Amino acid sequence: MNIPALSPAVILDRDGILHRDTGYLIRFEELEPIPGTEDALRLLQDKGFRLFVASNQSGVARGFFSLEDVLALNAKIQGFFLEKGVRIEDFAVCPQLPEGKMAAYAVTCDCRKPKPGMLLDLATRHGLDLSRSYMVGDSVRDVEAGVSAGATGVLIRPGPIGTAADKERLNEYPTLLDFAHSVVRV
């Protein structure tokens, strides 16, 4: 029996990584891609990384929009990047928030970052080797989810980066493109 090899991946947070975080984005027309994102994703893809998104979407639990609205927006974002030559294979979404006002989603779950559930699910469903993968986000909870899942957590934080030790410990970069260049050089 020939078992296929597991693939490395880059799993990205959506808001603040693929586009500017404008707070509870639900209308595609308001999408503001971050400059350099397409180039970064293309570099990673060309280096052999499969691309995925794992995103907390508490706006569902808060009653701001429906899960179907989020899924429709994600499909449009996926299509937008595909037109640019970037294939984001799948979006994992956590609509839960324990203090949410929508009863169906006001629960504690294993998928809301910093918990690793979304990443573990993506790995199982898509044959990913998390030990050779990255979780890239703009908050420490994204990094923690990656580390908990066995991936390398990467923090994208524009502006001044802490000490050199902090940058090394947190795998911190000012932009997604800076991160992509560091991976391509390896």
N, C-alpha and C. Protein backbone atom coordinates (compact mmCIF):
# COMPACT_ATOMS: atom_id res chain seq x y z
N MET A 1 0.84 -1.18 0.00
CA MET A 1 0.00 0.00 0.00
C MET A 1 0.89 1.24 0.00
N ASN A 2 0.62 2.14 -0.93
CA ASN A 2 1.41 3.36 -1.06
C ASN A 2 0.66 4.52 -0.41
N ILE A 3 1.17 5.01 0.72
CA ILE A 3 0.53 6.10 1.44
C ILE A 3 1.09 7.42 0.93
N PRO A 4 0.24 8.35 0.49
CA PRO A 4 0.75 9.62 -0.03
C PRO A 4 1.42 10.43 1.09
N ALA A 5 2.47 11.15 0.71
CA ALA A 5 3.19 12.00 1.67
C ALA A 5 2.31 13.17 2.08
N LEU A 6 2.47 13.59 3.32
CA LEU A 6 1.76 14.77 3.80
C LEU A 6 2.43 16.02 3.26
N SER A 7 1.64 17.05 3.02
CA SER A 7 2.13 18.29 2.41
C SER A 7 2.36 19.38 3.44
N PRO A 8 3.35 20.24 3.19
CA PRO A 8 3.50 21.43 4.01
C PRO A 8 2.48 22.48 3.56
N ALA A 9 2.10 23.34 4.49
CA ALA A 9 1.10 24.36 4.17
C ALA A 9 1.42 25.66 4.90
N VAL A 10 0.84 26.71 4.40
CA VAL A 10 0.79 27.97 5.13
C VAL A 10 -0.69 28.23 5.38
N ILE A 11 -1.04 28.29 6.66
CA ILE A 11 -2.41 28.55 7.07
C ILE A 11 -2.43 29.98 7.57
N LEU A 12 -3.34 30.77 7.03
CA LEU A 12 -3.36 32.20 7.29
C LEU A 12 -4.62 32.62 8.02
N ASP A 13 -4.47 33.57 8.91
CA ASP A 13 -5.64 34.26 9.43
C ASP A 13 -6.18 35.09 8.27
N ARG A 14 -7.45 35.41 8.28
CA ARG A 14 -8.02 36.17 7.17
C ARG A 14 -7.91 37.68 7.39
N ASP A 15 -8.59 38.18 8.43
CA ASP A 15 -8.66 39.62 8.67
C ASP A 15 -7.33 40.12 9.23
N GLY A 16 -6.73 41.06 8.55
CA GLY A 16 -5.45 41.61 8.98
C GLY A 16 -4.27 40.95 8.31
N ILE A 17 -4.50 39.86 7.58
CA ILE A 17 -3.43 39.18 6.86
C ILE A 17 -3.71 39.22 5.35
N LEU A 18 -4.88 38.72 4.93
CA LEU A 18 -5.23 38.79 3.51
C LEU A 18 -5.72 40.18 3.11
N HIS A 19 -6.35 40.85 4.06
CA HIS A 19 -6.89 42.19 3.80
C HIS A 19 -6.84 43.00 5.08
N ARG A 20 -6.97 44.30 4.92
CA ARG A 20 -6.99 45.18 6.10
C ARG A 20 -8.15 44.79 7.00
N ASP A 21 -7.89 44.77 8.29
CA ASP A 21 -8.93 44.44 9.26
C ASP A 21 -9.72 45.71 9.55
N THR A 22 -10.89 45.78 8.94
CA THR A 22 -11.75 46.96 9.10
C THR A 22 -12.85 46.71 10.13
N GLY A 23 -12.83 45.56 10.75
CA GLY A 23 -13.83 45.23 11.77
C GLY A 23 -15.07 44.60 11.18
N TYR A 24 -15.21 43.31 11.36
CA TYR A 24 -16.40 42.56 10.95
C TYR A 24 -16.73 42.74 9.46
N LEU A 25 -15.75 42.54 8.62
CA LEU A 25 -15.95 42.62 7.18
C LEU A 25 -16.95 41.55 6.74
N ILE A 26 -17.96 41.95 5.98
CA ILE A 26 -18.90 40.98 5.42
C ILE A 26 -19.25 41.31 3.97
N ARG A 27 -18.95 42.53 3.54
CA ARG A 27 -19.24 42.93 2.15
C ARG A 27 -17.95 42.89 1.34
N PHE A 28 -17.95 42.10 0.29
CA PHE A 28 -16.77 41.95 -0.55
C PHE A 28 -16.32 43.29 -1.12
N GLU A 29 -17.26 44.16 -1.40
CA GLU A 29 -16.95 45.47 -1.97
C GLU A 29 -16.07 46.31 -1.04
N GLU A 30 -16.04 45.97 0.24
CA GLU A 30 -15.25 46.71 1.21
C GLU A 30 -13.88 46.06 1.47
N LEU A 31 -13.58 44.98 0.75
CA LEU A 31 -12.30 44.29 0.90
C LEU A 31 -11.16 45.20 0.46
N GLU A 32 -10.16 45.35 1.30
CA GLU A 32 -8.96 46.14 0.99
C GLU A 32 -7.75 45.22 1.13
N PRO A 33 -7.35 44.56 0.02
CA PRO A 33 -6.18 43.69 0.11
C PRO A 33 -4.95 44.47 0.59
N ILE A 34 -4.14 43.85 1.39
CA ILE A 34 -2.92 44.47 1.88
C ILE A 34 -1.87 44.39 0.77
N PRO A 35 -1.25 45.52 0.44
CA PRO A 35 -0.23 45.49 -0.61
C PRO A 35 0.84 44.45 -0.34
N GLY A 36 1.20 43.71 -1.39
CA GLY A 36 2.22 42.67 -1.29
C GLY A 36 1.68 41.29 -0.96
N THR A 37 0.41 41.21 -0.56
CA THR A 37 -0.16 39.92 -0.17
C THR A 37 -0.17 38.92 -1.32
N GLU A 38 -0.60 39.35 -2.49
CA GLU A 38 -0.65 38.44 -3.64
C GLU A 38 0.74 37.92 -3.97
N ASP A 39 1.73 38.82 -3.97
CA ASP A 39 3.10 38.41 -4.27
C ASP A 39 3.60 37.41 -3.23
N ALA A 40 3.32 37.67 -1.96
CA ALA A 40 3.75 36.78 -0.88
C ALA A 40 3.14 35.39 -1.05
N LEU A 41 1.85 35.34 -1.31
CA LEU A 41 1.17 34.06 -1.46
C LEU A 41 1.67 33.31 -2.68
N ARG A 42 1.95 34.03 -3.75
CA ARG A 42 2.49 33.40 -4.94
C ARG A 42 3.87 32.79 -4.66
N LEU A 43 4.72 33.53 -3.95
CA LEU A 43 6.05 33.01 -3.59
C LEU A 43 5.93 31.72 -2.77
N LEU A 44 5.06 31.74 -1.77
CA LEU A 44 4.87 30.56 -0.91
C LEU A 44 4.33 29.38 -1.71
N GLN A 45 3.36 29.66 -2.55
CA GLN A 45 2.76 28.63 -3.40
C GLN A 45 3.81 28.03 -4.33
N ASP A 46 4.62 28.90 -4.94
CA ASP A 46 5.66 28.43 -5.85
C ASP A 46 6.75 27.64 -5.14
N LYS A 47 6.91 27.87 -3.84
CA LYS A 47 7.89 27.14 -3.03
C LYS A 47 7.34 25.76 -2.61
N GLY A 48 6.08 25.48 -2.94
CA GLY A 48 5.49 24.17 -2.65
C GLY A 48 4.54 24.13 -1.47
N PHE A 49 4.23 25.28 -0.89
CA PHE A 49 3.30 25.31 0.23
C PHE A 49 1.86 25.40 -0.30
N ARG A 50 1.00 24.58 0.28
CA ARG A 50 -0.43 24.69 0.00
C ARG A 50 -0.98 25.79 0.90
N LEU A 51 -1.98 26.52 0.45
CA LEU A 51 -2.50 27.68 1.17
C LEU A 51 -3.91 27.44 1.69
N PHE A 52 -4.12 27.83 2.96
CA PHE A 52 -5.40 27.68 3.63
C PHE A 52 -5.63 28.89 4.52
N VAL A 53 -6.87 29.07 4.95
CA VAL A 53 -7.23 30.14 5.88
C VAL A 53 -7.94 29.52 7.07
N ALA A 54 -7.62 30.00 8.27
CA ALA A 54 -8.32 29.63 9.51
C ALA A 54 -8.69 30.93 10.20
N SER A 55 -9.99 31.17 10.36
CA SER A 55 -10.43 32.49 10.82
C SER A 55 -11.53 32.40 11.87
N ASN A 56 -11.29 33.06 13.01
CA ASN A 56 -12.36 33.26 13.99
C ASN A 56 -13.33 34.28 13.39
N GLN A 57 -14.60 33.98 13.43
CA GLN A 57 -15.62 34.91 12.91
C GLN A 57 -16.72 35.08 13.96
N SER A 58 -16.37 35.77 15.03
CA SER A 58 -17.31 35.94 16.15
C SER A 58 -18.50 36.80 15.80
N GLY A 59 -18.45 37.51 14.67
CA GLY A 59 -19.59 38.30 14.24
C GLY A 59 -20.84 37.45 14.04
N VAL A 60 -20.65 36.15 13.76
CA VAL A 60 -21.80 35.24 13.64
C VAL A 60 -22.45 35.07 15.01
N ALA A 61 -21.66 34.73 16.02
CA ALA A 61 -22.19 34.54 17.38
C ALA A 61 -22.76 35.83 17.95
N ARG A 62 -22.21 36.95 17.52
CA ARG A 62 -22.67 38.26 18.00
C ARG A 62 -23.96 38.70 17.30
N GLY A 63 -24.34 37.99 16.23
CA GLY A 63 -25.55 38.32 15.50
C GLY A 63 -25.38 39.41 14.45
N PHE A 64 -24.13 39.73 14.09
CA PHE A 64 -23.88 40.77 13.10
C PHE A 64 -24.17 40.29 11.68
N PHE A 65 -23.97 38.99 11.44
CA PHE A 65 -24.21 38.40 10.13
C PHE A 65 -24.30 36.89 10.30
N SER A 66 -24.73 36.19 9.27
CA SER A 66 -24.92 34.74 9.36
C SER A 66 -23.66 34.00 8.93
N LEU A 67 -23.59 32.72 9.30
CA LEU A 67 -22.49 31.87 8.85
C LEU A 67 -22.50 31.77 7.32
N GLU A 68 -23.69 31.72 6.73
CA GLU A 68 -23.79 31.66 5.27
C GLU A 68 -23.19 32.91 4.63
N ASP A 69 -23.37 34.08 5.26
CA ASP A 69 -22.77 35.32 4.76
C ASP A 69 -21.24 35.22 4.77
N VAL A 70 -20.68 34.65 5.85
CA VAL A 70 -19.23 34.49 5.96
C VAL A 70 -18.73 33.54 4.89
N LEU A 71 -19.41 32.43 4.70
CA LEU A 71 -18.99 31.45 3.70
C LEU A 71 -19.05 32.05 2.29
N ALA A 72 -20.08 32.85 2.02
CA ALA A 72 -20.20 33.50 0.71
C ALA A 72 -19.06 34.50 0.50
N LEU A 73 -18.73 35.27 1.52
CA LEU A 73 -17.62 36.21 1.42
C LEU A 73 -16.31 35.46 1.20
N ASN A 74 -16.09 34.39 1.94
CA ASN A 74 -14.86 33.61 1.78
C ASN A 74 -14.73 33.07 0.35
N ALA A 75 -15.83 32.63 -0.23
CA ALA A 75 -15.81 32.14 -1.62
C ALA A 75 -15.41 33.26 -2.58
N LYS A 76 -15.89 34.46 -2.33
CA LYS A 76 -15.51 35.61 -3.18
C LYS A 76 -14.04 35.96 -3.00
N ILE A 77 -13.55 35.91 -1.77
CA ILE A 77 -12.13 36.18 -1.52
C ILE A 77 -11.27 35.11 -2.20
N GLN A 78 -11.70 33.86 -2.09
CA GLN A 78 -10.99 32.76 -2.75
C GLN A 78 -10.93 32.99 -4.26
N GLY A 79 -12.04 33.39 -4.86
CA GLY A 79 -12.09 33.69 -6.29
C GLY A 79 -11.21 34.87 -6.67
N PHE A 80 -11.20 35.89 -5.84
CA PHE A 80 -10.37 37.08 -6.07
C PHE A 80 -8.90 36.67 -6.17
N PHE A 81 -8.43 35.87 -5.23
CA PHE A 81 -7.03 35.47 -5.25
C PHE A 81 -6.74 34.48 -6.37
N LEU A 82 -7.70 33.62 -6.70
CA LEU A 82 -7.51 32.68 -7.80
C LEU A 82 -7.30 33.43 -9.12
N GLU A 83 -8.03 34.52 -9.30
CA GLU A 83 -7.85 35.36 -10.50
C GLU A 83 -6.44 35.94 -10.56
N LYS A 84 -5.78 36.07 -9.42
CA LYS A 84 -4.42 36.61 -9.35
C LYS A 84 -3.37 35.49 -9.38
N GLY A 85 -3.82 34.26 -9.60
CA GLY A 85 -2.89 33.14 -9.68
C GLY A 85 -2.55 32.50 -8.35
N VAL A 86 -3.35 32.78 -7.32
CA VAL A 86 -3.10 32.24 -5.98
C VAL A 86 -4.26 31.32 -5.62
N ARG A 87 -3.93 30.06 -5.29
CA ARG A 87 -4.97 29.08 -4.96
C ARG A 87 -5.04 28.86 -3.45
N ILE A 88 -6.03 29.47 -2.83
CA ILE A 88 -6.33 29.18 -1.42
C ILE A 88 -7.30 28.01 -1.45
N GLU A 89 -6.87 26.86 -0.95
CA GLU A 89 -7.63 25.63 -1.12
C GLU A 89 -8.90 25.57 -0.28
N ASP A 90 -8.85 26.09 0.94
CA ASP A 90 -9.99 25.94 1.82
C ASP A 90 -9.94 27.00 2.92
N PHE A 91 -11.11 27.33 3.43
CA PHE A 91 -11.26 28.27 4.54
C PHE A 91 -11.90 27.51 5.69
N ALA A 92 -11.25 27.51 6.85
CA ALA A 92 -11.85 26.99 8.07
C ALA A 92 -12.35 28.19 8.87
N VAL A 93 -13.55 28.07 9.42
CA VAL A 93 -14.17 29.19 10.13
C VAL A 93 -14.67 28.73 11.48
N CYS A 94 -14.43 29.55 12.50
CA CYS A 94 -15.03 29.31 13.82
C CYS A 94 -16.01 30.44 14.09
N PRO A 95 -17.32 30.15 14.05
CA PRO A 95 -18.33 31.18 14.31
C PRO A 95 -18.72 31.29 15.79
N GLN A 96 -18.13 30.44 16.63
CA GLN A 96 -18.51 30.38 18.04
C GLN A 96 -17.86 31.49 18.88
N LEU A 97 -18.57 31.87 19.94
CA LEU A 97 -18.06 32.80 20.95
C LEU A 97 -18.88 32.55 22.20
N PRO A 98 -18.25 32.10 23.30
CA PRO A 98 -19.03 31.73 24.49
C PRO A 98 -20.00 32.82 24.94
N GLU A 99 -19.62 34.07 24.84
CA GLU A 99 -20.50 35.16 25.28
C GLU A 99 -21.34 35.76 24.14
N GLY A 100 -21.44 35.04 23.03
CA GLY A 100 -22.25 35.51 21.90
C GLY A 100 -23.73 35.57 22.24
N LYS A 101 -24.46 36.36 21.46
CA LYS A 101 -25.90 36.49 21.75
C LYS A 101 -26.76 35.52 20.93
N MET A 102 -26.17 34.85 19.94
CA MET A 102 -26.89 33.85 19.16
C MET A 102 -26.67 32.49 19.84
N ALA A 103 -27.72 31.94 20.43
CA ALA A 103 -27.61 30.75 21.27
C ALA A 103 -26.89 29.59 20.59
N ALA A 104 -27.15 29.38 19.31
CA ALA A 104 -26.54 28.25 18.60
C ALA A 104 -25.02 28.36 18.54
N TYR A 105 -24.49 29.57 18.65
CA TYR A 105 -23.05 29.79 18.53
C TYR A 105 -22.42 30.28 19.83
N ALA A 106 -23.19 30.45 20.87
CA ALA A 106 -22.69 30.92 22.16
C ALA A 106 -22.21 29.74 22.98
N VAL A 107 -21.15 29.11 22.48
CA VAL A 107 -20.63 27.89 23.11
C VAL A 107 -19.10 27.95 23.16
N THR A 108 -18.56 27.14 24.05
CA THR A 108 -17.11 26.94 24.09
C THR A 108 -16.80 25.80 23.14
N CYS A 109 -15.78 25.99 22.31
CA CYS A 109 -15.45 24.98 21.30
C CYS A 109 -13.95 24.71 21.30
N ASP A 110 -13.53 23.78 20.48
CA ASP A 110 -12.12 23.45 20.34
C ASP A 110 -11.49 24.10 19.11
N CYS A 111 -12.28 24.89 18.38
CA CYS A 111 -11.74 25.45 17.13
C CYS A 111 -11.40 26.94 17.23
N ARG A 112 -11.96 27.64 18.19
CA ARG A 112 -11.69 29.08 18.29
C ARG A 112 -10.24 29.32 18.69
N LYS A 113 -9.49 30.00 17.82
CA LYS A 113 -8.10 30.30 18.15
C LYS A 113 -8.07 31.13 19.43
N PRO A 114 -7.20 30.80 20.37
CA PRO A 114 -5.91 30.12 20.23
C PRO A 114 -5.95 28.60 20.29
N LYS A 115 -7.12 27.99 20.37
CA LYS A 115 -7.18 26.52 20.33
C LYS A 115 -6.86 26.05 18.91
N PRO A 116 -6.33 24.86 18.75
CA PRO A 116 -5.83 24.40 17.44
C PRO A 116 -6.84 23.68 16.56
N GLY A 117 -8.11 23.60 16.95
CA GLY A 117 -9.07 22.76 16.24
C GLY A 117 -9.18 22.98 14.75
N MET A 118 -9.23 24.24 14.31
CA MET A 118 -9.36 24.49 12.86
C MET A 118 -8.16 23.97 12.10
N LEU A 119 -6.96 24.14 12.67
CA LEU A 119 -5.75 23.69 12.00
C LEU A 119 -5.68 22.18 11.94
N LEU A 120 -6.04 21.53 13.05
CA LEU A 120 -6.04 20.07 13.09
C LEU A 120 -7.05 19.50 12.09
N ASP A 121 -8.21 20.15 11.98
CA ASP A 121 -9.22 19.71 11.03
C ASP A 121 -8.71 19.86 9.59
N LEU A 122 -8.11 21.01 9.28
CA LEU A 122 -7.57 21.21 7.93
C LEU A 122 -6.51 20.15 7.62
N ALA A 123 -5.65 19.87 8.60
CA ALA A 123 -4.58 18.88 8.40
C ALA A 123 -5.15 17.49 8.11
N THR A 124 -6.18 17.11 8.85
CA THR A 124 -6.80 15.80 8.66
C THR A 124 -7.48 15.71 7.30
N ARG A 125 -8.25 16.73 6.97
CA ARG A 125 -9.03 16.69 5.73
C ARG A 125 -8.19 16.84 4.46
N HIS A 126 -7.03 17.51 4.58
CA HIS A 126 -6.24 17.81 3.38
C HIS A 126 -4.86 17.15 3.36
N GLY A 127 -4.55 16.30 4.33
CA GLY A 127 -3.27 15.61 4.32
C GLY A 127 -2.09 16.55 4.52
N LEU A 128 -2.16 17.39 5.55
CA LEU A 128 -1.10 18.37 5.80
C LEU A 128 -0.14 17.88 6.87
N ASP A 129 1.12 18.18 6.69
CA ASP A 129 2.15 17.92 7.68
C ASP A 129 2.35 19.21 8.47
N LEU A 130 1.71 19.29 9.62
CA LEU A 130 1.78 20.54 10.39
C LEU A 130 3.19 20.81 10.90
N SER A 131 4.01 19.79 11.06
CA SER A 131 5.38 20.02 11.53
C SER A 131 6.23 20.75 10.49
N ARG A 132 5.78 20.77 9.24
CA ARG A 132 6.47 21.50 8.17
C ARG A 132 5.63 22.68 7.69
N SER A 133 4.66 23.08 8.50
CA SER A 133 3.72 24.12 8.11
C SER A 133 3.82 25.35 9.02
N TYR A 134 3.17 26.42 8.57
CA TYR A 134 3.16 27.68 9.31
C TYR A 134 1.71 28.13 9.53
N MET A 135 1.47 28.73 10.68
CA MET A 135 0.22 29.45 10.94
C MET A 135 0.60 30.91 11.04
N VAL A 136 0.08 31.74 10.14
CA VAL A 136 0.45 33.15 10.05
C VAL A 136 -0.74 34.01 10.44
N GLY A 137 -0.54 34.88 11.42
CA GLY A 137 -1.61 35.76 11.85
C GLY A 137 -1.10 37.09 12.38
N ASP A 138 -2.05 37.93 12.72
CA ASP A 138 -1.71 39.26 13.23
C ASP A 138 -1.96 39.39 14.72
N SER A 139 -2.20 38.26 15.39
CA SER A 139 -2.37 38.31 16.84
C SER A 139 -1.68 37.11 17.47
N VAL A 140 -1.36 37.25 18.74
CA VAL A 140 -0.69 36.17 19.47
C VAL A 140 -1.55 34.92 19.49
N ARG A 141 -2.88 35.07 19.51
CA ARG A 141 -3.74 33.87 19.53
C ARG A 141 -3.57 33.04 18.26
N ASP A 142 -3.27 33.69 17.13
CA ASP A 142 -3.01 32.95 15.89
C ASP A 142 -1.73 32.13 16.03
N VAL A 143 -0.69 32.77 16.58
CA VAL A 143 0.59 32.09 16.79
C VAL A 143 0.40 30.91 17.74
N GLU A 144 -0.33 31.13 18.83
CA GLU A 144 -0.57 30.07 19.81
C GLU A 144 -1.32 28.90 19.19
N ALA A 145 -2.29 29.17 18.34
CA ALA A 145 -3.02 28.09 17.67
C ALA A 145 -2.07 27.26 16.82
N GLY A 146 -1.19 27.94 16.09
CA GLY A 146 -0.22 27.24 15.25
C GLY A 146 0.69 26.35 16.07
N VAL A 147 1.25 26.91 17.14
CA VAL A 147 2.17 26.15 17.98
C VAL A 147 1.44 24.96 18.63
N SER A 148 0.22 25.18 19.11
CA SER A 148 -0.56 24.09 19.73
C SER A 148 -0.85 22.96 18.75
N ALA A 149 -0.97 23.32 17.47
CA ALA A 149 -1.26 22.31 16.45
C ALA A 149 0.00 21.61 15.94
N GLY A 150 1.17 22.11 16.35
CA GLY A 150 2.42 21.51 15.89
C GLY A 150 3.06 22.22 14.72
N ALA A 151 2.49 23.36 14.33
CA ALA A 151 3.05 24.16 13.24
C ALA A 151 3.95 25.25 13.82
N THR A 152 4.62 25.97 12.96
CA THR A 152 5.39 27.14 13.38
C THR A 152 4.46 28.34 13.34
N GLY A 153 4.34 29.03 14.44
CA GLY A 153 3.51 30.22 14.50
C GLY A 153 4.29 31.43 14.03
N VAL A 154 3.66 32.26 13.21
CA VAL A 154 4.28 33.46 12.67
C VAL A 154 3.37 34.65 12.93
N LEU A 155 3.95 35.69 13.52
CA LEU A 155 3.21 36.90 13.83
C LEU A 155 3.59 37.99 12.84
N ILE A 156 2.60 38.55 12.17
CA ILE A 156 2.81 39.69 11.28
C ILE A 156 2.38 40.92 12.06
N ARG A 157 3.35 41.78 12.31
CA ARG A 157 3.05 42.98 13.08
C ARG A 157 3.78 44.16 12.44
N PRO A 158 3.03 44.99 11.71
CA PRO A 158 3.65 46.18 11.13
C PRO A 158 4.17 47.10 12.24
N GLY A 159 5.15 47.88 11.90
CA GLY A 159 5.69 48.81 12.87
C GLY A 159 6.89 48.22 13.58
N PRO A 160 7.30 48.87 14.64
CA PRO A 160 8.51 48.42 15.33
C PRO A 160 8.35 47.01 15.89
N ILE A 161 9.34 46.21 15.62
CA ILE A 161 9.38 44.86 16.16
C ILE A 161 10.21 44.92 17.43
N GLY A 162 9.88 44.09 18.38
CA GLY A 162 10.60 44.09 19.65
C GLY A 162 12.07 43.78 19.47
N THR A 163 12.67 43.26 20.47
CA THR A 163 14.09 42.94 20.44
C THR A 163 14.35 41.82 19.43
N ALA A 164 15.62 41.65 19.10
CA ALA A 164 15.98 40.56 18.19
C ALA A 164 15.55 39.22 18.77
N ALA A 165 15.65 39.08 20.10
CA ALA A 165 15.21 37.82 20.75
C ALA A 165 13.72 37.63 20.60
N ASP A 166 12.94 38.71 20.73
CA ASP A 166 11.48 38.61 20.53
C ASP A 166 11.17 38.18 19.11
N LYS A 167 11.84 38.79 18.13
CA LYS A 167 11.60 38.47 16.73
C LYS A 167 11.87 36.99 16.47
N GLU A 168 12.95 36.47 17.02
CA GLU A 168 13.29 35.07 16.83
C GLU A 168 12.29 34.16 17.55
N ARG A 169 11.96 34.50 18.77
CA ARG A 169 11.05 33.67 19.58
C ARG A 169 9.65 33.63 18.98
N LEU A 170 9.19 34.77 18.48
CA LEU A 170 7.82 34.86 17.96
C LEU A 170 7.73 34.64 16.46
N ASN A 171 8.88 34.49 15.79
CA ASN A 171 8.84 34.42 14.32
C ASN A 171 8.04 35.61 13.81
N GLU A 172 8.49 36.79 14.16
CA GLU A 172 7.75 38.02 13.88
C GLU A 172 8.32 38.73 12.66
N TYR A 173 7.42 39.21 11.79
CA TYR A 173 7.80 39.92 10.57
C TYR A 173 6.88 41.13 10.41
N PRO A 174 7.39 42.19 9.77
CA PRO A 174 6.54 43.37 9.58
C PRO A 174 5.44 43.18 8.53
N THR A 175 5.68 42.30 7.53
CA THR A 175 4.68 42.06 6.50
C THR A 175 4.67 40.59 6.09
N LEU A 176 3.60 40.19 5.47
CA LEU A 176 3.51 38.82 4.94
C LEU A 176 4.57 38.60 3.87
N LEU A 177 4.86 39.63 3.08
CA LEU A 177 5.87 39.52 2.04
C LEU A 177 7.26 39.30 2.64
N ASP A 178 7.56 39.97 3.75
CA ASP A 178 8.84 39.74 4.43
C ASP A 178 8.94 38.28 4.90
N PHE A 179 7.86 37.77 5.46
CA PHE A 179 7.84 36.36 5.87
C PHE A 179 8.08 35.44 4.68
N ALA A 180 7.35 35.68 3.58
CA ALA A 180 7.48 34.84 2.39
C ALA A 180 8.92 34.84 1.87
N HIS A 181 9.54 36.00 1.83
CA HIS A 181 10.94 36.08 1.37
C HIS A 181 11.85 35.26 2.28
N SER A 182 11.59 35.27 3.59
CA SER A 182 12.45 34.52 4.51
C SER A 182 12.29 33.02 4.28
N VAL A 183 11.10 32.55 3.96
CA VAL A 183 10.86 31.14 3.70
C VAL A 183 11.48 30.72 2.37
N VAL A 184 11.37 31.56 1.37
CA VAL A 184 11.91 31.25 0.05
C VAL A 184 13.43 31.15 0.09
N ARG A 185 14.07 31.95 0.94
CA ARG A 185 15.53 31.94 1.04
C ARG A 185 16.06 30.68 1.71
N VAL A 186 15.21 29.98 2.47
CA VAL A 186 15.68 28.78 3.20
C VAL A 186 15.97 27.65 2.25
